[in-house]
Protein backbone atom coordinates (compact mmCIF):
# COMPACT_ATOMS: atom_id res chain seq x y z
CA MET A 1 0.05 0.05 -0.01
CA THR A 2 2.84 2.37 0.70
CA THR A 3 4.14 4.19 -2.42
CA PRO A 4 6.17 7.32 -2.97
CA PRO A 5 2.95 9.50 -3.69
CA PHE A 6 1.27 8.15 -0.62
CA GLU A 7 4.41 8.83 1.56
CA ALA A 8 4.56 12.45 0.16
CA PHE A 9 0.83 12.92 0.77
CA LEU A 10 1.36 11.93 4.46
CA ALA A 11 4.35 14.20 4.85
CA ARG A 12 2.52 17.11 3.41
CA LEU A 13 -0.48 16.19 5.59
CA TYR A 14 1.62 16.50 8.85
CA THR A 15 3.42 19.66 7.89
CA ASP A 16 1.12 21.78 5.91
CA ALA A 17 -1.90 23.07 8.05
CA ALA A 18 -3.99 24.48 5.03
CA PHE A 19 -3.55 21.22 3.31
CA ARG A 20 -4.54 19.15 6.40
CA GLU A 21 -7.76 21.23 6.68
CA ARG A 22 -8.73 20.48 3.09
CA VAL A 23 -8.10 16.83 3.60
CA MET A 24 -9.97 16.62 6.81
CA ALA A 25 -12.94 18.39 4.92
CA ASP A 26 -12.87 15.87 2.07
CA PRO A 27 -10.24 13.03 2.80
CA ARG A 28 -11.34 10.80 -0.01
CA GLY A 29 -11.53 13.54 -2.73
CA GLU A 30 -8.26 15.00 -1.77
CA ALA A 31 -6.60 11.71 -1.91
CA GLN A 32 -8.12 10.90 -5.07
CA ARG A 33 -6.97 14.40 -6.60
CA ALA A 34 -3.59 13.53 -5.45
CA GLY A 35 -3.63 10.29 -7.47
CA LEU A 36 -3.80 7.82 -4.62
CA SER A 37 -5.38 4.47 -5.00
CA ALA A 38 -8.82 3.53 -3.82
CA GLU A 39 -7.27 1.69 -0.94
CA GLN A 40 -4.96 4.56 -0.04
CA SER A 41 -7.76 7.07 -0.15
CA GLU A 42 -9.85 4.83 2.22
CA ALA A 43 -6.83 4.79 4.59
CA ILE A 44 -6.66 8.53 4.50
CA ALA A 45 -10.34 8.70 5.36
CA ARG A 46 -9.94 6.51 8.33
CA LEU A 47 -6.99 8.33 9.88
CA ASP A 48 -7.10 9.09 13.47
CA ARG A 49 -7.78 12.78 13.38
CA PRO A 50 -6.99 13.69 17.07
CA GLY A 51 -3.64 11.71 16.48
CA LEU A 52 -3.04 13.54 13.28
CA GLY A 53 -3.41 16.85 14.96
CA PHE A 54 -1.28 15.84 17.92
CA THR A 55 1.62 14.70 15.73
CA ALA A 56 1.44 17.70 13.40
CA ARG A 57 1.53 20.11 16.54
CA SER A 58 4.50 18.00 17.81
CA LEU A 59 6.41 18.25 14.50
CA GLU A 60 5.73 22.05 14.40
CA LYS A 61 6.96 22.51 17.87
CA LYS A 62 10.16 20.62 17.10
CA LYS A 63 10.71 22.56 14.02
CA ARG A 64 10.47 25.84 15.91
CA LEU A 65 12.77 24.84 18.53
CA ARG A 66 15.43 23.45 16.07
CA PRO A 67 18.43 25.83 15.84
CA SER A 68 18.75 27.39 12.36
């Protein structure tokens, strides 16, 4: 099920707040527009939303704390 486009979609999902909002509003549609398979689109639709938000916030905090 894991493919480079799927991995790129997930990376963007965790790091791009505007994209994350669009995906949460229409997970299957955004996944299909990104060219993901039906199985991958369904996996996106079933994502743990609270867990996604927690992880995204954690990554953002780590990014802010990292020295430039």
